[in-house]
Amino acid sequence: MQKLNYDENLIVLNQKDKVISFKCELQENLQKAMKEFVEEHPNWDQYRILQAAIAGFLMQKGFQNRDLTRLYIGNMFSMNFKD
């Protein structure tokens, strides 16, 4: 399995939340589909799509975590949950 390359770029959104940036290669067809989706849905961007996809995948695989659920729902429905 190829190790993910990521640059640790911490941006504190509030006392609990941190954002870590990482690089990954996407297949061209996936990148094109994402670009088309963003053009048709301007309230979405590539970061929101990837966050929702990863969170949804982990939830489907049985990972139970309140913060993950909030992230998924927040991305899917444009909600910003406060503590």
PDB file of N, CA and C in Angstrom:
ATOM      1  N   MET A   1       0.849  -1.181   0.000  1.00  0.00           N
ATOM      2  CA  MET A   1       0.000   0.000   0.000  1.00  0.00           C
ATOM      3  C   MET A   1       0.888   1.235   0.000  1.00  0.00           C
ATOM      4  N   GLN A   2       0.546   2.181  -0.847  1.00  0.00           N
ATOM      5  CA  GLN A   2       1.333   3.403  -0.951  1.00  0.00           C
ATOM      6  C   GLN A   2       1.028   4.324   0.223  1.00  0.00           C
ATOM      7  N   LYS A   3       2.071   4.867   0.810  1.00  0.00           N
ATOM      8  CA  LYS A   3       1.909   5.770   1.934  1.00  0.00           C
ATOM      9  C   LYS A   3       1.413   7.120   1.428  1.00  0.00           C
ATOM     10  N   LEU A   4       0.445   7.709   2.152  1.00  0.00           N
ATOM     11  CA  LEU A   4      -0.068   9.018   1.772  1.00  0.00           C
ATOM     12  C   LEU A   4       0.964  10.092   2.074  1.00  0.00           C
ATOM     13  N   ASN A   5       1.136  10.987   1.141  1.00  0.00           N
ATOM     14  CA  ASN A   5       1.981  12.154   1.369  1.00  0.00           C
ATOM     15  C   ASN A   5       1.086  13.286   1.829  1.00  0.00           C
ATOM     16  N   TYR A   6       1.406  13.890   2.936  1.00  0.00           N
ATOM     17  CA  TYR A   6       0.620  15.026   3.386  1.00  0.00           C
ATOM     18  C   TYR A   6       1.533  16.059   4.018  1.00  0.00           C
ATOM     19  N   ASP A   7       1.134  17.299   3.848  1.00  0.00           N
ATOM     20  CA  ASP A   7       1.826  18.405   4.477  1.00  0.00           C
ATOM     21  C   ASP A   7       0.993  18.817   5.672  1.00  0.00           C
ATOM     22  N   GLU A   8       1.595  18.824   6.813  1.00  0.00           N
ATOM     23  CA  GLU A   8       0.843  19.213   7.989  1.00  0.00           C
ATOM     24  C   GLU A   8       0.682  20.720   7.971  1.00  0.00           C
ATOM     25  N   ASN A   9      -0.519  21.149   7.752  1.00  0.00           N
ATOM     26  CA  ASN A   9      -0.849  22.558   7.656  1.00  0.00           C
ATOM     27  C   ASN A   9      -2.036  22.775   8.579  1.00  0.00           C
ATOM     28  N   LEU A  10      -1.767  23.011   9.840  1.00  0.00           N
ATOM     29  CA  LEU A  10      -2.832  23.092  10.822  1.00  0.00           C
ATOM     30  C   LEU A  10      -3.444  24.487  10.837  1.00  0.00           C
ATOM     31  N   ILE A  11      -4.740  24.531  10.655  1.00  0.00           N
ATOM     32  CA  ILE A  11      -5.487  25.772  10.739  1.00  0.00           C
ATOM     33  C   ILE A  11      -6.506  25.548  11.846  1.00  0.00           C
ATOM     34  N   VAL A  12      -6.442  26.306  12.892  1.00  0.00           N
ATOM     35  CA  VAL A  12      -7.362  26.109  14.002  1.00  0.00           C
ATOM     36  C   VAL A  12      -8.658  26.828  13.691  1.00  0.00           C
ATOM     37  N   LEU A  13      -9.740  26.050  13.550  1.00  0.00           N
ATOM     38  CA  LEU A  13     -11.053  26.624  13.282  1.00  0.00           C
ATOM     39  C   LEU A  13     -11.715  27.045  14.583  1.00  0.00           C
ATOM     40  N   ASN A  14     -11.564  26.241  15.594  1.00  0.00           N
ATOM     41  CA  ASN A  14     -11.931  26.606  16.954  1.00  0.00           C
ATOM     42  C   ASN A  14     -11.018  25.793  17.853  1.00  0.00           C
ATOM     43  N   GLN A  15     -11.275  25.751  19.125  1.00  0.00           N
ATOM     44  CA  GLN A  15     -10.372  25.068  20.049  1.00  0.00           C
ATOM     45  C   GLN A  15     -10.245  23.582  19.750  1.00  0.00           C
ATOM     46  N   LYS A  16     -11.260  22.946  19.155  1.00  0.00           N
ATOM     47  CA  LYS A  16     -11.254  21.505  18.917  1.00  0.00           C
ATOM     48  C   LYS A  16     -10.826  21.108  17.510  1.00  0.00           C
ATOM     49  N   ASP A  17     -11.192  21.910  16.516  1.00  0.00           N
ATOM     50  CA  ASP A  17     -11.036  21.498  15.130  1.00  0.00           C
ATOM     51  C   ASP A  17      -9.691  21.898  14.554  1.00  0.00           C
ATOM     52  N   LYS A  18      -9.064  20.961  13.837  1.00  0.00           N
ATOM     53  CA  LYS A  18      -7.824  21.221  13.116  1.00  0.00           C
ATOM     54  C   LYS A  18      -8.002  20.688  11.707  1.00  0.00           C
ATOM     55  N   VAL A  19      -7.389  21.355  10.750  1.00  0.00           N
ATOM     56  CA  VAL A  19      -7.435  20.910   9.367  1.00  0.00           C
ATOM     57  C   VAL A  19      -6.026  20.521   8.966  1.00  0.00           C
ATOM     58  N   ILE A  20      -5.874  19.333   8.424  1.00  0.00           N
ATOM     59  CA  ILE A  20      -4.582  18.855   7.947  1.00  0.00           C
ATOM     60  C   ILE A  20      -4.692  18.676   6.444  1.00  0.00           C
ATOM     61  N   SER A  21      -3.800  19.290   5.719  1.00  0.00           N
ATOM     62  CA  SER A  21      -3.800  19.220   4.267  1.00  0.00           C
ATOM     63  C   SER A  21      -2.945  18.042   3.822  1.00  0.00           C
ATOM     64  N   PHE A  22      -3.417  17.307   2.796  1.00  0.00           N
ATOM     65  CA  PHE A  22      -2.608  16.225   2.237  1.00  0.00           C
ATOM     66  C   PHE A  22      -2.810  16.160   0.733  1.00  0.00           C
ATOM     67  N   LYS A  23      -1.821  15.605   0.073  1.00  0.00           N
ATOM     68  CA  LYS A  23      -1.866  15.453  -1.376  1.00  0.00           C
ATOM     69  C   LYS A  23      -2.208  14.010  -1.708  1.00  0.00           C
ATOM     70  N   CYS A  24      -3.032  13.830  -2.734  1.00  0.00           N
ATOM     71  CA  CYS A  24      -3.296  12.480  -3.214  1.00  0.00           C
ATOM     72  C   CYS A  24      -3.574  12.561  -4.708  1.00  0.00           C
ATOM     73  N   GLU A  25      -3.253  11.489  -5.394  1.00  0.00           N
ATOM     74  CA  GLU A  25      -3.484  11.421  -6.824  1.00  0.00           C
ATOM     75  C   GLU A  25      -4.882  10.865  -7.073  1.00  0.00           C
ATOM     76  N   LEU A  26      -5.599  11.489  -8.018  1.00  0.00           N
ATOM     77  CA  LEU A  26      -6.922  11.022  -8.408  1.00  0.00           C
ATOM     78  C   LEU A  26      -6.875  10.575  -9.859  1.00  0.00           C
ATOM     79  N   GLN A  27      -7.660   9.588 -10.172  1.00  0.00           N
ATOM     80  CA  GLN A  27      -7.782   9.196 -11.566  1.00  0.00           C
ATOM     81  C   GLN A  27      -8.433  10.352 -12.324  1.00  0.00           C
ATOM     82  N   GLU A  28      -8.055  10.491 -13.581  1.00  0.00           N
ATOM     83  CA  GLU A  28      -8.530  11.624 -14.377  1.00  0.00           C
ATOM     84  C   GLU A  28     -10.050  11.673 -14.470  1.00  0.00           C
ATOM     85  N   ASN A  29     -10.695  10.518 -14.634  1.00  0.00           N
ATOM     86  CA  ASN A  29     -12.159  10.516 -14.750  1.00  0.00           C
ATOM     87  C   ASN A  29     -12.830  10.964 -13.455  1.00  0.00           C
ATOM     88  N   LEU A  30     -12.248  10.629 -12.323  1.00  0.00           N
ATOM     89  CA  LEU A  30     -12.789  11.072 -11.043  1.00  0.00           C
ATOM     90  C   LEU A  30     -12.627  12.583 -10.886  1.00  0.00           C
ATOM     91  N   GLN A  31     -11.478  13.097 -11.280  1.00  0.00           N
ATOM     92  CA  GLN A  31     -11.229  14.530 -11.201  1.00  0.00           C
ATOM     93  C   GLN A  31     -12.185  15.295 -12.122  1.00  0.00           C
ATOM     94  N   LYS A  32     -12.424  14.790 -13.327  1.00  0.00           N
ATOM     95  CA  LYS A  32     -13.349  15.441 -14.260  1.00  0.00           C
ATOM     96  C   LYS A  32     -14.772  15.445 -13.704  1.00  0.00           C
ATOM     97  N   ALA A  33     -15.197  14.327 -13.137  1.00  0.00           N
ATOM     98  CA  ALA A  33     -16.541  14.234 -12.567  1.00  0.00           C
ATOM     99  C   ALA A  33     -16.698  15.221 -11.404  1.00  0.00           C
ATOM    100  N   MET A  34     -15.664  15.321 -10.577  1.00  0.00           N
ATOM    101  CA  MET A  34     -15.710  16.253  -9.456  1.00  0.00           C
ATOM    102  C   MET A  34     -15.798  17.693  -9.967  1.00  0.00           C
ATOM    103  N   LYS A  35     -15.020  18.016 -11.000  1.00  0.00           N
ATOM    104  CA  LYS A  35     -15.035  19.363 -11.578  1.00  0.00           C
ATOM    105  C   LYS A  35     -16.413  19.695 -12.138  1.00  0.00           C
ATOM    106  N   GLU A  36     -17.015  18.759 -12.869  1.00  0.00           N
ATOM    107  CA  GLU A  36     -18.354  18.971 -13.421  1.00  0.00           C
ATOM    108  C   GLU A  36     -19.386  19.166 -12.317  1.00  0.00           C
ATOM    109  N   PHE A  37     -19.278  18.367 -11.262  1.00  0.00           N
ATOM    110  CA  PHE A  37     -20.217  18.489 -10.147  1.00  0.00           C
ATOM    111  C   PHE A  37     -20.108  19.865  -9.498  1.00  0.00           C
ATOM    112  N   VAL A  38     -18.885  20.328  -9.262  1.00  0.00           N
ATOM    113  CA  VAL A  38     -18.678  21.635  -8.627  1.00  0.00           C
ATOM    114  C   VAL A  38     -19.198  22.762  -9.521  1.00  0.00           C
ATOM    115  N   GLU A  39     -19.025  22.624 -10.831  1.00  0.00           N
ATOM    116  CA  GLU A  39     -19.540  23.644 -11.749  1.00  0.00           C
ATOM    117  C   GLU A  39     -21.064  23.720 -11.708  1.00  0.00           C
ATOM    118  N   GLU A  40     -21.724  22.577 -11.514  1.00  0.00           N
ATOM    119  CA  GLU A  40     -23.186  22.535 -11.452  1.00  0.00           C
ATOM    120  C   GLU A  40     -23.727  22.863 -10.061  1.00  0.00           C
ATOM    121  N   HIS A  41     -22.902  22.703  -9.039  1.00  0.00           N
ATOM    122  CA  HIS A  41     -23.315  22.942  -7.653  1.00  0.00           C
ATOM    123  C   HIS A  41     -22.296  23.876  -6.995  1.00  0.00           C
ATOM    124  N   PRO A  42     -22.433  25.186  -7.194  1.00  0.00           N
ATOM    125  CA  PRO A  42     -21.413  26.133  -6.726  1.00  0.00           C
ATOM    126  C   PRO A  42     -21.248  26.203  -5.202  1.00  0.00           C
ATOM    127  N   ASN A  43     -22.194  25.656  -4.446  1.00  0.00           N
ATOM    128  CA  ASN A  43     -22.038  25.652  -2.991  1.00  0.00           C
ATOM    129  C   ASN A  43     -21.127  24.509  -2.507  1.00  0.00           C
ATOM    130  N   TRP A  44     -20.663  23.667  -3.434  1.00  0.00           N
ATOM    131  CA  TRP A  44     -19.729  22.587  -3.126  1.00  0.00           C
ATOM    132  C   TRP A  44     -18.355  22.945  -3.678  1.00  0.00           C
ATOM    133  N   ASP A  45     -17.307  22.413  -3.059  1.00  0.00           N
ATOM    134  CA  ASP A  45     -15.958  22.500  -3.614  1.00  0.00           C
ATOM    135  C   ASP A  45     -15.278  21.152  -3.416  1.00  0.00           C
ATOM    136  N   GLN A  46     -14.078  21.014  -3.954  1.00  0.00           N
ATOM    137  CA  GLN A  46     -13.399  19.712  -3.897  1.00  0.00           C
ATOM    138  C   GLN A  46     -13.140  19.262  -2.464  1.00  0.00           C
ATOM    139  N   TYR A  47     -12.914  20.193  -1.571  1.00  0.00           N
ATOM    140  CA  TYR A  47     -12.630  19.834  -0.174  1.00  0.00           C
ATOM    141  C   TYR A  47     -13.884  19.300   0.515  1.00  0.00           C
ATOM    142  N   ARG A  48     -14.992  19.950   0.270  1.00  0.00           N
ATOM    143  CA  ARG A  48     -16.250  19.499   0.868  1.00  0.00           C
ATOM    144  C   ARG A  48     -16.624  18.120   0.338  1.00  0.00           C
ATOM    145  N   ILE A  49     -16.431  17.890  -0.961  1.00  0.00           N
ATOM    146  CA  ILE A  49     -16.739  16.582  -1.559  1.00  0.00           C
ATOM    147  C   ILE A  49     -15.886  15.487  -0.926  1.00  0.00           C
ATOM    148  N   LEU A  50     -14.579  15.718  -0.834  1.00  0.00           N
ATOM    149  CA  LEU A  50     -13.692  14.700  -0.270  1.00  0.00           C
ATOM    150  C   LEU A  50     -13.982  14.449   1.203  1.00  0.00           C
ATOM    151  N   GLN A  51     -14.248  15.503   1.972  1.00  0.00           N
ATOM    152  CA  GLN A  51     -14.573  15.306   3.380  1.00  0.00           C
ATOM    153  C   GLN A  51     -15.847  14.487   3.544  1.00  0.00           C
ATOM    154  N   ALA A  52     -16.883  14.829   2.767  1.00  0.00           N
ATOM    155  CA  ALA A  52     -18.140  14.082   2.854  1.00  0.00           C
ATOM    156  C   ALA A  52     -17.941  12.635   2.414  1.00  0.00           C
ATOM    157  N   ALA A  53     -17.156  12.421   1.363  1.00  0.00           N
ATOM    158  CA  ALA A  53     -16.931  11.059   0.863  1.00  0.00           C
ATOM    159  C   ALA A  53     -16.170  10.207   1.878  1.00  0.00           C
ATOM    160  N   ILE A  54     -15.113  10.754   2.453  1.00  0.00           N
ATOM    161  CA  ILE A  54     -14.322   9.992   3.426  1.00  0.00           C
ATOM    162  C   ILE A  54     -15.146   9.715   4.678  1.00  0.00           C
ATOM    163  N   ALA A  55     -15.840  10.739   5.177  1.00  0.00           N
ATOM    164  CA  ALA A  55     -16.662  10.552   6.377  1.00  0.00           C
ATOM    165  C   ALA A  55     -17.768   9.528   6.112  1.00  0.00           C
ATOM    166  N   GLY A  56     -18.417   9.618   4.952  1.00  0.00           N
ATOM    167  CA  GLY A  56     -19.472   8.663   4.609  1.00  0.00           C
ATOM    168  C   GLY A  56     -18.943   7.249   4.503  1.00  0.00           C
ATOM    169  N   PHE A  57     -17.777   7.089   3.889  1.00  0.00           N
ATOM    170  CA  PHE A  57     -17.164   5.765   3.769  1.00  0.00           C
ATOM    171  C   PHE A  57     -16.878   5.174   5.149  1.00  0.00           C
ATOM    172  N   LEU A  58     -16.270   5.957   6.021  1.00  0.00           N
ATOM    173  CA  LEU A  58     -15.949   5.454   7.356  1.00  0.00           C
ATOM    174  C   LEU A  58     -17.209   5.091   8.139  1.00  0.00           C
ATOM    175  N   MET A  59     -18.247   5.904   8.012  1.00  0.00           N
ATOM    176  CA  MET A  59     -19.494   5.597   8.706  1.00  0.00           C
ATOM    177  C   MET A  59     -20.113   4.306   8.163  1.00  0.00           C
ATOM    178  N   GLN A  60     -20.083   4.118   6.840  1.00  0.00           N
ATOM    179  CA  GLN A  60     -20.626   2.890   6.244  1.00  0.00           C
ATOM    180  C   GLN A  60     -19.860   1.660   6.692  1.00  0.00           C
ATOM    181  N   LYS A  61     -18.584   1.824   6.991  1.00  0.00           N
ATOM    182  CA  LYS A  61     -17.751   0.700   7.427  1.00  0.00           C
ATOM    183  C   LYS A  61     -17.838   0.475   8.933  1.00  0.00           C
ATOM    184  N   GLY A  62     -18.721   1.213   9.605  1.00  0.00           N
ATOM    185  CA  GLY A  62     -18.982   0.954  11.011  1.00  0.00           C
ATOM    186  C   GLY A  62     -18.215   1.807  12.001  1.00  0.00           C
ATOM    187  N   PHE A  63     -17.483   2.796  11.526  1.00  0.00           N
ATOM    188  CA  PHE A  63     -16.749   3.663  12.445  1.00  0.00           C
ATOM    189  C   PHE A  63     -17.738   4.602  13.116  1.00  0.00           C
ATOM    190  N   GLN A  64     -17.823   4.545  14.424  1.00  0.00           N
ATOM    191  CA  GLN A  64     -18.776   5.332  15.196  1.00  0.00           C
ATOM    192  C   GLN A  64     -18.047   6.456  15.927  1.00  0.00           C
ATOM    193  N   ASN A  65     -18.372   7.693  15.575  1.00  0.00           N
ATOM    194  CA  ASN A  65     -17.732   8.833  16.210  1.00  0.00           C
ATOM    195  C   ASN A  65     -18.633  10.048  16.005  1.00  0.00           C
ATOM    196  N   ARG A  66     -18.967  10.727  17.088  1.00  0.00           N
ATOM    197  CA  ARG A  66     -19.874  11.875  17.017  1.00  0.00           C
ATOM    198  C   ARG A  66     -19.321  12.996  16.141  1.00  0.00           C
ATOM    199  N   ASP A  67     -18.027  13.291  16.264  1.00  0.00           N
ATOM    200  CA  ASP A  67     -17.432  14.355  15.455  1.00  0.00           C
ATOM    201  C   ASP A  67     -17.456  14.007  13.968  1.00  0.00           C
ATOM    202  N   LEU A  68     -17.221  12.747  13.643  1.00  0.00           N
ATOM    203  CA  LEU A  68     -17.274  12.293  12.256  1.00  0.00           C
ATOM    204  C   LEU A  68     -18.696  12.434  11.704  1.00  0.00           C
ATOM    205  N   THR A  69     -19.681  12.060  12.492  1.00  0.00           N
ATOM    206  CA  THR A  69     -21.077  12.193  12.080  1.00  0.00           C
ATOM    207  C   THR A  69     -21.429  13.655  11.836  1.00  0.00           C
ATOM    208  N   ARG A  70     -20.985  14.523  12.719  1.00  0.00           N
ATOM    209  CA  ARG A  70     -21.242  15.959  12.548  1.00  0.00           C
ATOM    210  C   ARG A  70     -20.578  16.485  11.277  1.00  0.00           C
ATOM    211  N   LEU A  71     -19.360  16.050  11.011  1.00  0.00           N
ATOM    212  CA  LEU A  71     -18.657  16.475   9.804  1.00  0.00           C
ATOM    213  C   LEU A  71     -19.409  16.018   8.562  1.00  0.00           C
ATOM    214  N   TYR A  72     -19.833  14.764   8.551  1.00  0.00           N
ATOM    215  CA  TYR A  72     -20.556  14.218   7.399  1.00  0.00           C
ATOM    216  C   TYR A  72     -21.862  14.974   7.166  1.00  0.00           C
ATOM    217  N   ILE A  73     -22.667  15.096   8.194  1.00  0.00           N
ATOM    218  CA  ILE A  73     -23.958  15.776   8.060  1.00  0.00           C
ATOM    219  C   ILE A  73     -23.756  17.248   7.711  1.00  0.00           C
ATOM    220  N   GLY A  74     -22.773  17.867   8.340  1.00  0.00           N
ATOM    221  CA  GLY A  74     -22.490  19.267   8.043  1.00  0.00           C
ATOM    222  C   GLY A  74     -22.110  19.485   6.599  1.00  0.00           C
ATOM    223  N   ASN A  75     -21.297  18.594   6.039  1.00  0.00           N
ATOM    224  CA  ASN A  75     -20.909  18.713   4.639  1.00  0.00           C
ATOM    225  C   ASN A  75     -22.068  18.407   3.700  1.00  0.00           C
ATOM    226  N   MET A  76     -22.853  17.409   4.022  1.00  0.00           N
ATOM    227  CA  MET A  76     -23.950  17.020   3.141  1.00  0.00           C
ATOM    228  C   MET A  76     -25.054  18.070   3.094  1.00  0.00           C
ATOM    229  N   PHE A  77     -25.287  18.738   4.213  1.00  0.00           N
ATOM    230  CA  PHE A  77     -26.430  19.647   4.297  1.00  0.00           C
ATOM    231  C   PHE A  77     -26.029  21.092   4.585  1.00  0.00           C
ATOM    232  N   SER A  78     -24.773  21.436   4.367  1.00  0.00           N
ATOM    233  CA  SER A  78     -24.277  22.809   4.576  1.00  0.00           C
ATOM    234  C   SER A  78     -24.585  23.330   5.965  1.00  0.00           C
ATOM    235  N   MET A  79     -24.385  22.492   6.946  1.00  0.00           N
ATOM    236  CA  MET A  79     -24.620  22.889   8.332  1.00  0.00           C
ATOM    237  C   MET A  79     -23.300  23.076   9.032  1.00  0.00           C
ATOM    238  N   ASN A  80     -23.267  23.998   9.969  1.00  0.00           N
ATOM    239  CA  ASN A  80     -22.074  24.216  10.778  1.00  0.00           C
ATOM    240  C   ASN A  80     -22.486  24.035  12.237  1.00  0.00           C
ATOM    241  N   PHE A  81     -22.100  22.919  12.825  1.00  0.00           N
ATOM    242  CA  PHE A  81     -22.488  22.607  14.187  1.00  0.00           C
ATOM    243  C   PHE A  81     -21.563  23.297  15.178  1.00  0.00           C
ATOM    244  N   LYS A  82     -22.150  23.932  16.151  1.00  0.00           N
ATOM    245  CA  LYS A  82     -21.396  24.547  17.245  1.00  0.00           C
ATOM    246  C   LYS A  82     -21.543  23.645  18.461  1.00  0.00           C
ATOM    247  N   ASP A  83     -20.552  23.681  19.350  1.00  0.00           N
ATOM    248  CA  ASP A  83     -20.607  22.833  20.553  1.00  0.00           C
ATOM    249  C   ASP A  83     -21.745  23.216  21.465  1.00  0.00           C
TER     250      ASP A  83
END
